[in-house]
Amino acid sequence: MPFLLRSLFIVYKMEKGACVYIMTNSHKTTLYIGITSDLVTRVTEHKEHKYKNSFTDKYNLEYCVYYEFLPTIEDAIGREKQLKKWRREKKDALILSTNPEWKDLWEEICSW
């Protein structure tokens, strides 16, 4: 790929932004934190168990209980790393701060 085209592609990707999200199972016992630039598609993939034998498939993580948008993919990666270092209690508190009932946010996500 020519340098200018590659540079434009990198700038476009960085300006596109991304989302950090948390998936859980019906019993709320396991959490998965991920990032994506297309939340609707990514959550659909989790719900449909698209990637067999993946962590989310193995533990039936089909409920998106938290998400937040960030302006760049780099910001999303940083936030994901931050959240993954947190203890479970702190992650639970984050989810409770925006979703006290731990409801699946699928319908909200699809209504964009």
Protein backbone atom coordinates (compact mmCIF):
# COMPACT_ATOMS: atom_id res chain seq x y z
CA MET A 1 0.00 0.00 0.00
CA PRO A 2 1.49 3.40 -0.96
CA PHE A 3 2.57 5.57 1.99
CA LEU A 4 -0.04 8.31 1.45
CA LEU A 5 -2.88 5.84 1.10
CA ARG A 6 -1.66 3.94 4.17
CA SER A 7 -1.45 7.22 6.15
CA LEU A 8 -4.98 8.20 5.16
CA PHE A 9 -6.23 4.75 6.16
CA ILE A 10 -4.54 5.01 9.59
CA VAL A 11 -5.97 8.51 10.19
CA TYR A 12 -9.45 7.33 9.15
CA LYS A 13 -9.28 4.33 11.45
CA MET A 14 -8.06 6.41 14.39
CA GLU A 15 -10.79 9.02 13.90
CA LYS A 16 -13.55 6.45 13.60
CA GLY A 17 -13.62 5.70 17.33
CA ALA A 18 -14.53 2.53 19.12
CA CYS A 19 -16.55 1.03 21.92
CA VAL A 20 -15.60 -0.86 25.08
CA TYR A 21 -18.27 -3.32 26.15
CA ILE A 22 -18.96 -5.93 28.81
CA MET A 23 -20.77 -9.20 28.17
CA THR A 24 -22.10 -11.59 30.82
CA ASN A 25 -24.18 -14.75 31.10
CA SER A 26 -27.72 -15.21 32.41
CA HIS A 27 -26.44 -15.81 35.97
CA LYS A 28 -24.11 -12.76 35.86
CA THR A 29 -21.22 -14.95 37.06
CA THR A 30 -18.69 -14.33 34.29
CA LEU A 31 -17.66 -11.10 32.58
CA TYR A 32 -15.94 -10.48 29.26
CA ILE A 33 -14.54 -7.07 28.34
CA GLY A 34 -13.94 -6.31 24.67
CA ILE A 35 -13.58 -3.50 22.15
CA THR A 36 -15.08 -3.00 18.72
CA SER A 37 -15.73 -0.35 16.13
CA ASP A 38 -19.13 -1.94 15.34
CA LEU A 39 -21.01 -2.77 18.54
CA VAL A 40 -24.19 -4.05 16.86
CA THR A 41 -22.30 -6.58 14.75
CA ARG A 42 -19.98 -7.65 17.57
CA VAL A 43 -22.77 -8.22 20.10
CA THR A 44 -24.70 -10.14 17.44
CA GLU A 45 -21.67 -12.38 16.96
CA HIS A 46 -21.56 -13.09 20.70
CA LYS A 47 -25.30 -13.78 20.87
CA GLU A 48 -25.13 -16.16 17.90
CA HIS A 49 -21.98 -17.90 19.19
CA LYS A 50 -20.25 -17.16 15.89
CA TYR A 51 -16.80 -18.12 17.17
CA LYS A 52 -17.13 -21.65 18.50
CA ASN A 53 -14.96 -22.57 21.48
CA SER A 54 -14.19 -18.91 22.20
CA PHE A 55 -14.35 -17.64 25.79
CA THR A 56 -17.76 -16.02 25.25
CA ASP A 57 -19.11 -19.14 23.54
CA LYS A 58 -17.79 -21.46 26.25
CA TYR A 59 -19.36 -19.43 29.08
CA ASN A 60 -22.56 -18.39 27.21
CA LEU A 61 -21.85 -14.68 27.46
CA GLU A 62 -24.83 -13.39 25.49
CA TYR A 63 -25.87 -10.29 27.45
CA CYS A 64 -24.29 -6.89 26.85
CA VAL A 65 -24.62 -5.08 30.20
CA TYR A 66 -22.27 -2.14 29.62
CA TYR A 67 -20.74 -0.14 26.79
CA GLU A 68 -19.02 3.18 26.34
CA PHE A 69 -17.86 5.02 23.24
CA LEU A 70 -14.37 6.44 22.95
CA PRO A 71 -13.09 8.83 20.28
CA THR A 72 -10.23 6.66 19.01
CA ILE A 73 -9.38 2.98 18.87
CA GLU A 74 -6.29 3.76 20.93
CA ASP A 75 -8.48 5.25 23.67
CA ALA A 76 -10.69 2.16 23.58
CA ILE A 77 -7.68 -0.16 23.88
CA GLY A 78 -6.41 1.85 26.83
CA ARG A 79 -9.80 1.77 28.55
CA GLU A 80 -10.14 -1.97 27.92
CA LYS A 81 -6.74 -2.59 29.53
CA GLN A 82 -7.72 -0.41 32.48
CA LEU A 83 -11.02 -2.24 33.06
CA LYS A 84 -9.40 -5.66 32.74
CA LYS A 85 -7.04 -4.80 35.62
CA TRP A 86 -9.93 -3.92 37.93
CA ARG A 87 -11.18 -6.32 40.59
CA ARG A 88 -14.63 -7.82 40.02
CA GLU A 89 -16.23 -5.53 42.64
CA LYS A 90 -15.12 -2.42 40.77
CA LYS A 91 -16.38 -3.79 37.45
CA ASP A 92 -19.73 -4.59 39.08
CA ALA A 93 -19.94 -1.03 40.42
CA LEU A 94 -19.25 0.37 36.93
CA ILE A 95 -22.07 -1.72 35.46
CA LEU A 96 -24.43 -0.77 38.30
CA SER A 97 -23.69 2.94 37.75
CA THR A 98 -25.33 2.86 34.31
CA ASN A 99 -27.36 -0.34 34.37
CA PRO A 100 -28.55 -1.07 37.94
CA GLU A 101 -30.74 -3.98 36.84
CA TRP A 102 -27.99 -5.59 34.76
CA LYS A 103 -30.46 -5.81 31.88
CA ASP A 104 -29.33 -6.84 28.42
CA LEU A 105 -28.78 -3.60 26.48
CA TRP A 106 -29.31 -5.32 23.13
CA GLU A 107 -32.53 -3.47 22.23
CA GLU A 108 -30.96 -0.13 23.14
CA ILE A 109 -27.91 -0.92 21.01
CA CYS A 110 -30.04 -1.98 18.03
CA SER A 111 -32.15 1.17 18.14
CA TRP A 112 -29.31 3.45 16.96
